[in-house]
Protein backbone atom coordinates (compact mmCIF):
# COMPACT_ATOMS: atom_id res chain seq x y z
CA MET A 1 23.46 37.56 -19.88
CA VAL A 2 20.95 35.09 -20.40
CA LYS A 3 23.01 32.16 -21.01
CA ILE A 4 24.99 33.17 -18.61
CA PHE A 5 22.02 33.42 -15.43
CA ILE A 6 21.16 29.74 -16.32
CA ALA A 7 24.25 27.96 -16.37
CA LEU A 8 24.65 30.03 -13.01
CA PHE A 9 21.11 28.16 -12.22
CA PHE A 10 22.17 24.55 -13.69
CA SER A 11 25.26 24.72 -11.76
CA ILE A 12 23.78 25.11 -8.37
CA PHE A 13 20.77 23.61 -9.00
CA PHE A 14 22.31 20.70 -9.67
CA SER A 15 25.31 20.73 -6.90
CA THR A 16 23.56 20.83 -3.97
CA LYS A 17 22.41 17.35 -2.82
CA SER A 18 19.41 16.49 -1.44
CA TYR A 19 19.27 14.90 1.75
CA SER A 20 16.32 12.33 2.57
CA SER A 21 14.12 12.55 5.67
CA SER A 22 14.93 10.23 8.53
CA ASN A 23 11.23 9.46 8.93
CA ASN A 24 10.76 8.48 4.89
CA LEU A 25 9.42 4.47 4.47
CA PHE A 26 11.60 2.37 3.16
CA PHE A 27 9.12 -0.74 1.65
CA THR A 28 5.29 -0.89 1.54
CA THR A 29 4.17 -4.55 1.86
CA ALA A 30 3.24 -4.50 -1.70
CA GLN A 31 6.80 -3.46 -2.57
CA PHE A 32 8.67 -6.02 0.27
CA MET A 33 6.10 -8.43 -1.81
CA THR A 34 7.98 -7.98 -5.42
CA TYR A 35 11.29 -9.52 -3.99
CA CYS A 36 9.86 -11.88 -2.34
CA LYS A 37 8.46 -13.26 -5.19
CA SER A 38 10.93 -12.64 -7.87
CA ASP A 39 13.36 -15.44 -9.36
CA ASN A 40 15.55 -12.49 -9.05
CA ILE A 41 18.33 -14.11 -6.56
CA TYR A 42 19.42 -10.34 -6.05
CA GLU A 43 16.01 -10.15 -5.07
CA LEU A 44 15.11 -12.25 -3.18
CA GLY A 45 18.50 -11.92 -0.65
CA ILE A 46 16.79 -8.14 -0.30
CA CYS A 47 13.96 -9.92 0.77
CA ASP A 48 15.85 -12.15 3.29
CA GLY A 49 17.92 -9.26 4.49
CA TYR A 50 15.07 -7.46 5.39
CA ILE A 51 13.16 -10.73 7.66
CA ILE A 52 16.45 -11.25 9.24
CA ALA A 53 16.88 -7.35 10.20
CA VAL A 54 12.93 -7.18 11.69
CA SER A 55 13.14 -10.24 12.96
CA ASP A 56 16.90 -8.82 14.72
CA VAL A 57 15.39 -5.84 15.64
CA ILE A 58 12.59 -7.78 17.02
CA TYR A 59 15.02 -10.08 19.29
CA SER A 60 16.98 -6.71 20.42
CA LEU A 61 13.90 -5.69 22.17
CA ASP A 62 12.69 -5.87 25.68
CA LYS A 63 11.84 -9.44 26.27
CA LYS A 64 9.12 -8.52 28.03
CA THR A 65 7.58 -7.00 25.28
CA ALA A 66 8.15 -9.17 22.65
CA GLN A 67 8.07 -12.39 23.32
CA ILE A 68 8.14 -14.99 20.28
CA CYS A 69 10.57 -17.43 20.08
CA LEU A 70 11.96 -19.11 16.54
CA ASP A 71 13.15 -23.19 16.28
CA GLU A 72 16.71 -22.87 15.80
CA ASN A 73 17.06 -24.84 12.71
CA ILE A 74 14.63 -23.06 10.80
CA SER A 75 15.71 -21.69 7.40
CA ILE A 76 14.97 -17.89 6.15
CA LYS A 77 13.47 -19.60 2.47
CA THR A 78 10.59 -21.32 5.15
CA LEU A 79 9.87 -17.80 6.78
CA ARG A 80 10.17 -16.19 3.65
CA ILE A 81 7.23 -18.64 2.21
CA SER A 82 5.69 -18.12 5.83
CA ILE A 83 5.39 -14.76 5.66
CA ILE A 84 3.78 -14.44 1.66
CA ASN A 85 1.33 -16.65 3.09
CA PHE A 86 0.24 -14.52 5.92
CA ILE A 87 0.68 -11.90 3.76
CA VAL A 88 -1.54 -13.20 0.88
CA ASP A 89 -4.08 -13.79 3.70
CA ASN A 90 -3.90 -10.71 5.21
CA ALA A 91 -3.83 -8.57 1.46
CA GLU A 92 -5.54 -5.60 3.18
CA LEU A 93 -1.78 -4.92 4.81
CA MET A 94 -0.64 -4.22 1.09
CA ASN A 95 -0.29 -0.71 1.96
CA ILE A 96 1.02 -0.44 5.81
CA GLU A 97 4.35 -0.57 6.10
CA ALA A 98 6.88 -4.29 5.78
CA ASN A 99 8.31 -3.96 8.49
CA LYS A 100 5.37 -3.78 10.62
CA VAL A 101 3.65 -6.53 8.79
CA ILE A 102 6.99 -8.86 9.21
CA GLY A 103 6.65 -7.86 12.61
CA GLN A 104 3.23 -9.06 13.33
CA PHE A 105 4.09 -11.89 11.60
CA PHE A 106 6.28 -12.79 14.15
CA VAL A 107 4.50 -12.12 16.96
CA ASN A 108 1.35 -13.79 15.47
CA THR A 109 3.06 -17.42 14.70
CA PHE A 110 5.91 -18.00 16.82
CA GLN A 111 4.58 -16.48 20.28
CA CYS A 112 6.53 -18.52 22.94
CA LYS A 113 5.03 -21.08 24.95
CA LYS A 114 3.95 -20.53 28.89
């Protein structure tokens, strides 16, 4: 009887799906930095993709709210290196959400000139 109960318990426990919450943090800045400083091309791609995604979100906001102006010819490698330097210079941001820090970098570095 105990064996049947244990088998039933494990079959129910492992057959249910766990759903992640929608408010979970994807990357802290420290986690993000491990990808950006990696020698692995796949991990650099994760870093670059995250930077591009945050940039796209900023550009999709109301233009009055987010006024950043990027040079059309700026490379993702240049952005990655600049973001790494920004984070190193502001090490107190390491435990904050990476998207907020990248957004802050764009706003501080690429404000449109009037």
